[in-house]
C-alpha atoms as a PDB file:
ATOM      1  CA  MET A   1       9.557 -25.756  16.763  1.00  0.00           C
ATOM      2  CA  LEU A   2       8.151 -24.635  13.378  1.00  0.00           C
ATOM      3  CA  PRO A   3       4.892 -22.716  13.197  1.00  0.00           C
ATOM      4  CA  PRO A   4       1.882 -24.835  12.161  1.00  0.00           C
ATOM      5  CA  GLY A   5       1.538 -25.343   8.421  1.00  0.00           C
ATOM      6  CA  THR A   6       5.214 -24.579   7.661  1.00  0.00           C
ATOM      7  CA  ALA A   7       6.034 -28.216   6.907  1.00  0.00           C
ATOM      8  CA  LEU A   8       3.078 -28.457   4.526  1.00  0.00           C
ATOM      9  CA  LEU A   9       4.098 -25.225   2.769  1.00  0.00           C
ATOM     10  CA  THR A  10       7.692 -26.479   2.419  1.00  0.00           C
ATOM     11  CA  LEU A  11       6.487 -29.756   0.905  1.00  0.00           C
ATOM     12  CA  LEU A  12       4.232 -27.956  -1.575  1.00  0.00           C
ATOM     13  CA  LEU A  13       7.016 -25.625  -2.698  1.00  0.00           C
ATOM     14  CA  ALA A  14       9.471 -28.506  -3.076  1.00  0.00           C
ATOM     15  CA  ALA A  15       6.964 -30.596  -5.051  1.00  0.00           C
ATOM     16  CA  GLY A  16       6.273 -27.674  -7.392  1.00  0.00           C
ATOM     17  CA  SER A  17       9.935 -27.274  -8.201  1.00  0.00           C
ATOM     18  CA  LEU A  18      10.473 -30.992  -8.914  1.00  0.00           C
ATOM     19  CA  GLY A  19       8.663 -30.804 -12.242  1.00  0.00           C
ATOM     20  CA  ARG A  20      10.745 -27.861 -13.420  1.00  0.00           C
ATOM     21  CA  ARG A  21      13.911 -28.481 -15.291  1.00  0.00           C
ATOM     22  CA  ALA A  22      16.985 -26.472 -14.706  1.00  0.00           C
ATOM     23  CA  ARG A  23      17.375 -23.507 -17.003  1.00  0.00           C
ATOM     24  CA  GLY A  24      20.244 -23.781 -19.397  1.00  0.00           C
ATOM     25  CA  PRO A  25      22.170 -20.879 -20.798  1.00  0.00           C
ATOM     26  CA  PRO A  26      20.013 -18.439 -22.751  1.00  0.00           C
ATOM     27  CA  GLN A  27      19.761 -19.067 -26.478  1.00  0.00           C
ATOM     28  CA  PRO A  28      21.856 -16.597 -28.480  1.00  0.00           C
ATOM     29  CA  LEU A  29      19.919 -14.140 -30.603  1.00  0.00           C
ATOM     30  CA  SER A  30      19.261 -15.189 -34.150  1.00  0.00           C
ATOM     31  CA  PRO A  31      21.495 -13.321 -36.604  1.00  0.00           C
ATOM     32  CA  ILE A  32      18.596 -11.485 -38.253  1.00  0.00           C
ATOM     33  CA  SER A  33      17.170 -10.219 -34.960  1.00  0.00           C
ATOM     34  CA  THR A  34      20.111  -7.815 -34.642  1.00  0.00           C
ATOM     35  CA  ILE A  35      19.526  -6.226 -38.071  1.00  0.00           C
ATOM     36  CA  GLN A  36      17.532  -3.016 -38.101  1.00  0.00           C
ATOM     37  CA  PRO A  37      15.046  -2.557 -40.948  1.00  0.00           C
ATOM     38  CA  GLN A  38      15.058   0.517 -43.173  1.00  0.00           C
ATOM     39  CA  ALA A  39      14.023   3.521 -41.080  1.00  0.00           C
ATOM     40  CA  ASN A  40      10.416   4.552 -41.833  1.00  0.00           C
ATOM     41  CA  PHE A  41      10.041   1.681 -44.308  1.00  0.00           C
ATOM     42  CA  ASP A  42       7.323   2.428 -46.887  1.00  0.00           C
ATOM     43  CA  ALA A  43       5.957  -0.678 -48.618  1.00  0.00           C
ATOM     44  CA  GLN A  44       4.203   1.391 -51.296  1.00  0.00           C
ATOM     45  CA  GLN A  45       7.510   2.951 -52.376  1.00  0.00           C
ATOM     46  CA  PHE A  46       9.220  -0.451 -52.253  1.00  0.00           C
ATOM     47  CA  ALA A  47       6.673  -2.041 -54.598  1.00  0.00           C
ATOM     48  CA  GLY A  48       7.892  -2.828 -58.077  1.00  0.00           C
ATOM     49  CA  THR A  49      10.358  -4.970 -59.968  1.00  0.00           C
ATOM     50  CA  TRP A  50      13.835  -5.683 -58.616  1.00  0.00           C
ATOM     51  CA  LEU A  51      16.731  -7.589 -60.191  1.00  0.00           C
ATOM     52  CA  LEU A  52      19.029  -9.736 -58.075  1.00  0.00           C
ATOM     53  CA  VAL A  53      22.579  -8.408 -58.344  1.00  0.00           C
ATOM     54  CA  GLY A  54      24.456 -10.482 -55.774  1.00  0.00           C
ATOM     55  CA  VAL A  55      24.159 -12.937 -52.898  1.00  0.00           C
ATOM     56  CA  ALA A  56      26.263 -13.597 -49.816  1.00  0.00           C
ATOM     57  CA  SER A  57      25.241 -16.550 -47.688  1.00  0.00           C
ATOM     58  CA  SER A  58      26.251 -19.268 -45.299  1.00  0.00           C
ATOM     59  CA  CYS A  59      23.665 -21.495 -47.038  1.00  0.00           C
ATOM     60  CA  ARG A  60      25.476 -24.258 -48.911  1.00  0.00           C
ATOM     61  CA  SER A  61      23.171 -24.363 -51.923  1.00  0.00           C
ATOM     62  CA  LEU A  62      23.495 -20.617 -52.477  1.00  0.00           C
ATOM     63  CA  GLN A  63      27.264 -20.829 -52.119  1.00  0.00           C
ATOM     64  CA  GLU A  64      27.386 -23.606 -54.698  1.00  0.00           C
ATOM     65  CA  GLN A  65      24.930 -22.030 -57.149  1.00  0.00           C
ATOM     66  CA  GLY A  66      25.394 -18.333 -56.397  1.00  0.00           C
ATOM     67  CA  HIS A  67      26.692 -17.742 -59.928  1.00  0.00           C
ATOM     68  CA  ARG A  68      23.162 -18.339 -61.199  1.00  0.00           C
ATOM     69  CA  ALA A  69      21.649 -15.580 -59.064  1.00  0.00           C
ATOM     70  CA  GLU A  70      21.884 -12.938 -61.815  1.00  0.00           C
ATOM     71  CA  ALA A  71      18.862 -14.307 -63.669  1.00  0.00           C
ATOM     72  CA  THR A  72      16.405 -13.620 -60.846  1.00  0.00           C
ATOM     73  CA  THR A  73      13.641 -11.013 -60.909  1.00  0.00           C
ATOM     74  CA  LEU A  74      11.551 -10.084 -57.883  1.00  0.00           C
ATOM     75  CA  ARG A  75       8.144  -8.413 -58.210  1.00  0.00           C
ATOM     76  CA  VAL A  76       6.858  -6.962 -54.961  1.00  0.00           C
ATOM     77  CA  ALA A  77       3.346  -5.740 -54.161  1.00  0.00           C
ATOM     78  CA  PRO A  78       2.173  -4.629 -50.708  1.00  0.00           C
ATOM     79  CA  GLN A  79      -0.792  -6.530 -49.248  1.00  0.00           C
ATOM     80  CA  GLY A  80      -1.686  -4.550 -46.126  1.00  0.00           C
ATOM     81  CA  THR A  81       1.202  -5.183 -43.722  1.00  0.00           C
ATOM     82  CA  ALA A  82       2.306  -8.188 -45.806  1.00  0.00           C
ATOM     83  CA  MET A  83       4.131  -8.326 -49.145  1.00  0.00           C
ATOM     84  CA  ALA A  84       3.203 -10.474 -52.129  1.00  0.00           C
ATOM     85  CA  VAL A  85       6.474 -11.545 -53.762  1.00  0.00           C
ATOM     86  CA  ASN A  86       6.745 -13.174 -57.180  1.00  0.00           C
ATOM     87  CA  THR A  87      10.185 -14.525 -57.978  1.00  0.00           C
ATOM     88  CA  PHE A  88      11.084 -15.345 -61.571  1.00  0.00           C
ATOM     89  CA  ARG A  89      14.213 -17.350 -62.237  1.00  0.00           C
ATOM     90  CA  LYS A  90      15.694 -19.155 -65.195  1.00  0.00           C
ATOM     91  CA  LEU A  91      17.566 -22.267 -64.115  1.00  0.00           C
ATOM     92  CA  ASP A  92      18.943 -24.913 -66.455  1.00  0.00           C
ATOM     93  CA  GLY A  93      16.895 -23.544 -69.350  1.00  0.00           C
ATOM     94  CA  ILE A  94      13.625 -23.685 -67.409  1.00  0.00           C
ATOM     95  CA  CYS A  95      11.776 -20.582 -66.205  1.00  0.00           C
ATOM     96  CA  TRP A  96      10.508 -20.814 -62.640  1.00  0.00           C
ATOM     97  CA  GLN A  97       7.934 -18.617 -60.970  1.00  0.00           C
ATOM     98  CA  VAL A  98       7.494 -18.761 -57.212  1.00  0.00           C
ATOM     99  CA  GLN A  99       4.653 -16.833 -55.578  1.00  0.00           C
ATOM    100  CA  GLN A 100       4.934 -16.169 -51.852  1.00  0.00           C
ATOM    101  CA  LEU A 101       3.271 -14.020 -49.232  1.00  0.00           C
ATOM    102  CA  TYR A 102       5.630 -12.573 -46.669  1.00  0.00           C
ATOM    103  CA  GLY A 103       3.482 -11.882 -43.640  1.00  0.00           C
ATOM    104  CA  GLY A 104       3.792  -8.570 -41.880  1.00  0.00           C
ATOM    105  CA  THR A 105       5.102  -8.143 -38.361  1.00  0.00           C
ATOM    106  CA  PRO A 106       4.624  -5.289 -35.900  1.00  0.00           C
ATOM    107  CA  VAL A 107       7.905  -3.793 -37.199  1.00  0.00           C
ATOM    108  CA  PRO A 108       7.707  -2.183 -40.674  1.00  0.00           C
ATOM    109  CA  GLY A 109      10.364  -3.673 -42.943  1.00  0.00           C
ATOM    110  CA  ARG A 110      10.344  -7.068 -41.159  1.00  0.00           C
ATOM    111  CA  PHE A 111       8.446 -10.002 -42.648  1.00  0.00           C
ATOM    112  CA  ARG A 112       7.966 -13.728 -42.104  1.00  0.00           C
ATOM    113  CA  LEU A 113       7.288 -16.412 -44.690  1.00  0.00           C
ATOM    114  CA  GLN A 114       5.599 -19.448 -43.172  1.00  0.00           C
ATOM    115  CA  ALA A 115       7.419 -22.138 -45.121  1.00  0.00           C
ATOM    116  CA  ARG A 116       6.664 -25.824 -45.118  1.00  0.00           C
ATOM    117  CA  GLY A 117       9.130 -28.474 -44.092  1.00  0.00           C
ATOM    118  CA  ALA A 118      11.576 -29.107 -41.331  1.00  0.00           C
ATOM    119  CA  ARG A 119      13.706 -26.062 -42.075  1.00  0.00           C
ATOM    120  CA  GLY A 120      11.000 -23.764 -40.758  1.00  0.00           C
ATOM    121  CA  PRO A 121       9.951 -20.207 -41.547  1.00  0.00           C
ATOM    122  CA  VAL A 122      11.991 -17.575 -43.333  1.00  0.00           C
ATOM    123  CA  ASP A 123      12.474 -14.200 -41.673  1.00  0.00           C
ATOM    124  CA  ALA A 124      13.160 -11.251 -43.967  1.00  0.00           C
ATOM    125  CA  VAL A 125      14.338  -7.721 -43.278  1.00  0.00           C
ATOM    126  CA  ILE A 126      14.619  -4.903 -45.782  1.00  0.00           C
ATOM    127  CA  GLY A 127      17.808  -3.521 -44.290  1.00  0.00           C
ATOM    128  CA  GLU A 128      18.390  -0.608 -46.610  1.00  0.00           C
ATOM    129  CA  THR A 129      16.862   0.796 -49.759  1.00  0.00           C
ATOM    130  CA  ASP A 130      16.574   4.067 -51.621  1.00  0.00           C
ATOM    131  CA  TYR A 131      13.352   2.725 -53.257  1.00  0.00           C
ATOM    132  CA  GLN A 132      14.643   3.599 -56.740  1.00  0.00           C
ATOM    133  CA  GLY A 133      18.065   2.055 -57.302  1.00  0.00           C
ATOM    134  CA  PHE A 134      18.965  -0.571 -54.721  1.00  0.00           C
ATOM    135  CA  ALA A 135      17.679  -2.722 -51.877  1.00  0.00           C
ATOM    136  CA  VAL A 136      19.571  -4.883 -49.383  1.00  0.00           C
ATOM    137  CA  LEU A 137      17.493  -7.788 -48.074  1.00  0.00           C
ATOM    138  CA  TYR A 138      18.463 -10.096 -45.231  1.00  0.00           C
ATOM    139  CA  LEU A 139      16.860 -13.529 -45.066  1.00  0.00           C
ATOM    140  CA  GLU A 140      17.244 -16.126 -42.352  1.00  0.00           C
ATOM    141  CA  ARG A 141      16.104 -19.715 -42.265  1.00  0.00           C
ATOM    142  CA  ALA A 142      17.218 -22.201 -39.628  1.00  0.00           C
ATOM    143  CA  ARG A 143      19.679 -19.627 -38.212  1.00  0.00           C
ATOM    144  CA  ARG A 144      21.446 -19.311 -41.595  1.00  0.00           C
ATOM    145  CA  LEU A 145      21.672 -15.761 -42.847  1.00  0.00           C
ATOM    146  CA  SER A 146      21.699 -14.680 -46.482  1.00  0.00           C
ATOM    147  CA  VAL A 147      22.168 -11.153 -47.788  1.00  0.00           C
ATOM    148  CA  LYS A 148      20.840 -10.203 -51.209  1.00  0.00           C
ATOM    149  CA  LEU A 149      21.504  -7.042 -53.146  1.00  0.00           C
ATOM    150  CA  TYR A 150      18.795  -6.028 -55.604  1.00  0.00           C
ATOM    151  CA  GLY A 151      18.869  -3.292 -58.222  1.00  0.00           C
ATOM    152  CA  ALA A 152      15.773  -1.618 -59.563  1.00  0.00           C
ATOM    153  CA  LEU A 153      14.608  -2.433 -63.042  1.00  0.00           C
ATOM    154  CA  CYS A 154      15.374   0.701 -65.033  1.00  0.00           C
ATOM    155  CA  VAL A 155      13.051   1.488 -67.883  1.00  0.00           C
ATOM    156  CA  PRO A 156      14.616   3.926 -70.359  1.00  0.00           C
ATOM    157  CA  GLN A 157      12.769   7.211 -70.522  1.00  0.00           C
ATOM    158  CA  PRO A 158      12.048   8.672 -73.951  1.00  0.00           C
ATOM    159  CA  ALA A 159      14.340  11.529 -74.921  1.00  0.00           C
ATOM    160  CA  HIS A 160      12.770  14.958 -74.595  1.00  0.00           C
ATOM    161  CA  SER A 161      12.743  17.210 -77.636  1.00  0.00           C
ATOM    162  CA  PRO A 162      13.967  20.796 -77.130  1.00  0.00           C
END
């Protein structure tokens, strides 16, 4: 014979588990979550003008129009933990300017752009930079990863007289 109240406890536990669905396999990590940002990322040093040098992506539109990537300029300004990013691009004879705010995250060098539409937000990681000559940025939207190589805009320095 069961102790008093055991049947009631068994019924309550069984009823609580009825509403739960079985757990499926865990979702794989998103590609960008495995990329480490630049160690000791400094947004102040990263600020400035960058020129897009090359793109590698699984995104179809970038694969189809990647040859047009050379005409893209990125101007970056820190905004607290966020980054204000102005992208200038000439496409089909028309100059485009896109202003975006990449929100900061608890991890320096990781950002998130809250984009509209069904494709969802864009996650960005500054994977590597020397702050003066190059920067490698990783962007992910809808589990599609893009890698962009930027070069710094070099302004010629005046020659020094002896």
